[in-house]
Amino acid sequence: MMLYWLIRRYSNKIKRIENISHLANLEVLWLMDNGLPCILKVWCTQEIDSLTGLSTLLNLKSLWIGSNSIRSIGNILDVNSNLEELNIAANQVWSFKDIINLVRLTSLRRLSLADPMFGENPVCELCNYTTYVLFHLQQVQGPCPFPPPPPLSSLCFCAV
């Protein structure tokens, strides 16, 4: 019998995620509103390597890291090929380069870069944000906060 784990830690002001690499069956990890400044140490202004050990969580299906201070996604999630749901709303993601990195997550079905509960990332304010996400992340079913009706979706693909 396999045990599957769910970890929910939010509003605790966690600065460093440690000692989770041994949780091989972890499927759900919620780290909202913890003040995590980054996913990649390269982007940190402090010496923080948040989400250390994420690469060993191969069964991870849901990751909620909204309302932190994450500036870049990079390729840190590439090994999490089973990831189906990602909420990274209300962070500091501002570049389309980070969204294109999510294309490699072929199991990703739900993506939230903007969330009514937390807020949005600066990238969501770009005029072609919706078109860009619809075109590049076709496997995502919602919420994003879309999808639009099918005719509008077809127009978006034509516009790119």
Protein backbone atom coordinates (compact mmCIF):
# COMPACT_ATOMS: atom_id res chain seq x y z
CA MET A 1 0.00 0.00 0.00
CA MET A 2 1.42 3.37 -1.03
CA LEU A 3 0.90 6.47 1.03
CA TYR A 4 0.46 9.76 -0.77
CA TRP A 5 1.34 12.96 0.97
CA LEU A 6 -0.21 16.37 1.00
CA ILE A 7 1.67 19.30 2.50
CA ARG A 8 -0.06 22.63 3.07
CA ARG A 9 1.97 25.46 4.53
CA TYR A 10 0.81 28.99 3.99
CA SER A 11 1.09 32.33 5.74
CA ASN A 12 3.96 31.00 7.82
CA LYS A 13 6.65 33.22 6.32
CA ILE A 14 8.78 30.21 5.45
CA LYS A 15 12.04 31.36 3.90
CA ARG A 16 13.73 28.05 3.14
CA ILE A 17 12.19 24.75 2.07
CA GLU A 18 14.30 21.88 3.29
CA ASN A 19 14.10 18.16 3.97
CA ILE A 20 11.33 17.29 1.54
CA SER A 21 13.41 15.39 -1.00
CA HIS A 22 12.73 12.08 0.77
CA LEU A 23 8.95 12.43 0.27
CA ALA A 24 8.95 10.43 -2.96
CA ASN A 25 5.14 10.01 -3.00
CA LEU A 26 4.34 13.69 -2.38
CA GLU A 27 1.62 14.75 -4.82
CA VAL A 28 0.41 18.10 -3.46
CA LEU A 29 2.59 20.92 -2.15
CA TRP A 30 0.99 24.22 -1.13
CA LEU A 31 3.33 27.02 -0.12
CA MET A 32 1.19 30.12 -0.57
CA ASP A 33 1.94 33.44 1.11
CA ASN A 34 5.19 32.37 2.73
CA GLY A 35 7.51 35.08 1.49
CA LEU A 36 9.57 32.76 -0.72
CA PRO A 37 11.74 35.16 -2.69
CA CYS A 38 12.76 32.81 -5.48
CA ILE A 39 12.82 29.37 -6.96
CA LEU A 40 16.33 29.71 -8.31
CA LYS A 41 19.14 30.82 -6.01
CA VAL A 42 20.59 32.84 -8.88
CA TRP A 43 17.68 35.30 -8.69
CA CYS A 44 17.76 35.75 -4.92
CA THR A 45 18.95 38.87 -3.25
CA GLN A 46 19.43 36.83 -0.08
CA GLU A 47 21.12 33.47 0.28
CA ILE A 48 17.93 31.45 -0.04
CA ASP A 49 17.52 28.31 -2.09
CA SER A 50 13.78 27.77 -1.76
CA LEU A 51 12.13 24.58 -2.97
CA THR A 52 15.33 22.62 -2.49
CA GLY A 53 14.70 18.97 -3.25
CA LEU A 54 11.84 19.61 -5.66
CA SER A 55 13.68 17.68 -8.37
CA THR A 56 13.23 14.44 -6.43
CA LEU A 57 9.45 14.88 -6.10
CA LEU A 58 8.64 13.01 -9.30
CA ASN A 59 5.03 12.26 -8.25
CA LEU A 60 4.21 15.93 -7.60
CA LYS A 61 0.90 16.76 -9.31
CA SER A 62 -0.14 20.03 -7.68
CA LEU A 63 2.13 22.94 -6.71
CA TRP A 64 0.70 26.13 -5.27
CA ILE A 65 3.36 28.77 -4.70
CA GLY A 66 1.17 31.86 -5.08
CA SER A 67 1.62 35.08 -3.17
CA ASN A 68 5.36 34.86 -2.62
CA SER A 69 8.08 36.97 -4.22
CA ILE A 70 9.18 34.60 -6.98
CA ARG A 71 10.70 36.46 -9.93
CA SER A 72 11.65 33.63 -12.25
CA ILE A 73 10.53 30.09 -12.97
CA GLY A 74 13.47 29.04 -15.11
CA ASN A 75 13.78 25.32 -15.77
CA ILE A 76 13.50 24.20 -12.13
CA LEU A 77 10.17 22.45 -12.80
CA ASP A 78 11.34 20.49 -15.86
CA VAL A 79 11.86 17.27 -13.89
CA ASN A 80 8.32 17.42 -12.50
CA SER A 81 6.77 15.88 -15.59
CA ASN A 82 3.68 14.71 -13.64
CA LEU A 83 2.78 18.26 -12.56
CA GLU A 84 -0.86 18.87 -13.52
CA GLU A 85 -1.65 22.02 -11.55
CA LEU A 86 0.50 25.09 -10.94
CA ASN A 87 -0.60 28.21 -9.11
CA ILE A 88 2.12 30.82 -9.21
CA ALA A 89 -0.22 33.85 -8.96
CA ALA A 90 0.73 37.06 -7.16
CA ASN A 91 4.48 36.73 -7.56
CA GLN A 92 6.92 38.88 -9.53
CA VAL A 93 6.98 36.91 -12.80
CA TRP A 94 7.19 39.53 -15.53
CA SER A 95 8.68 37.80 -18.57
CA PHE A 96 7.26 35.62 -21.33
CA LYS A 97 10.54 33.66 -21.05
CA ASP A 98 9.23 32.11 -17.85
CA ILE A 99 5.91 31.13 -19.42
CA ILE A 100 7.63 29.41 -22.34
CA ASN A 101 9.53 27.24 -19.83
CA LEU A 102 6.19 25.75 -18.79
CA VAL A 103 5.68 24.26 -22.27
CA ARG A 104 7.91 21.35 -21.24
CA LEU A 105 5.38 20.37 -18.54
CA THR A 106 3.27 18.21 -20.84
CA SER A 107 0.96 17.02 -18.02
CA LEU A 108 0.13 20.59 -16.95
CA ARG A 109 -3.65 21.12 -17.21
CA ARG A 110 -4.33 23.97 -14.78
CA LEU A 111 -2.22 27.09 -14.59
CA SER A 112 -2.85 30.22 -12.59
CA LEU A 113 -0.64 33.24 -13.08
CA ALA A 114 -3.48 35.47 -11.87
CA ASP A 115 -5.83 34.52 -9.08
CA PRO A 116 -8.69 36.59 -7.61
CA MET A 117 -7.69 35.48 -4.12
CA PHE A 118 -4.01 36.43 -4.39
CA GLY A 119 -3.58 38.77 -7.37
CA GLU A 120 -1.58 38.58 -10.57
CA ASN A 121 1.96 38.59 -11.86
CA PRO A 122 3.25 41.60 -13.82
CA VAL A 123 3.36 39.43 -16.99
CA CYS A 124 -0.47 39.29 -16.87
CA GLU A 125 -0.63 43.02 -17.57
CA LEU A 126 1.11 42.70 -20.95
CA CYS A 127 -1.32 43.35 -23.79
CA ASN A 128 -0.73 40.01 -25.55
CA TYR A 129 -0.51 37.85 -22.43
CA THR A 130 -3.70 35.85 -23.08
CA THR A 131 -2.83 35.23 -26.74
CA TYR A 132 0.69 34.16 -25.82
CA VAL A 133 -0.44 31.69 -23.14
CA LEU A 134 -3.19 30.24 -25.32
CA PHE A 135 -0.80 29.70 -28.20
CA HIS A 136 2.13 28.22 -26.29
CA LEU A 137 0.35 26.27 -23.54
CA GLN A 138 -2.36 24.54 -25.52
CA GLN A 139 -2.47 21.63 -23.08
CA VAL A 140 -3.70 23.92 -20.28
CA GLN A 141 -7.45 23.66 -19.76
CA GLY A 142 -7.90 26.42 -17.21
CA PRO A 143 -8.20 28.50 -15.08
CA CYS A 144 -5.76 31.05 -16.40
CA PRO A 145 -8.22 33.13 -15.88
CA PHE A 146 -9.57 31.89 -19.19
CA PRO A 147 -10.11 29.84 -21.56
CA PRO A 148 -12.19 31.99 -23.87
CA PRO A 149 -14.95 30.48 -25.99
CA PRO A 150 -13.67 28.37 -28.94
CA PRO A 151 -14.16 31.01 -31.67
CA LEU A 152 -12.01 33.54 -29.77
CA SER A 153 -9.42 30.84 -29.17
CA SER A 154 -9.19 30.23 -32.92
CA LEU A 155 -8.69 33.94 -33.49
CA CYS A 156 -5.88 34.02 -30.94
CA PHE A 157 -4.01 31.29 -32.79
CA CYS A 158 -4.40 33.21 -36.04
CA ALA A 159 -3.03 36.37 -34.43
CA VAL A 160 0.28 34.82 -33.40
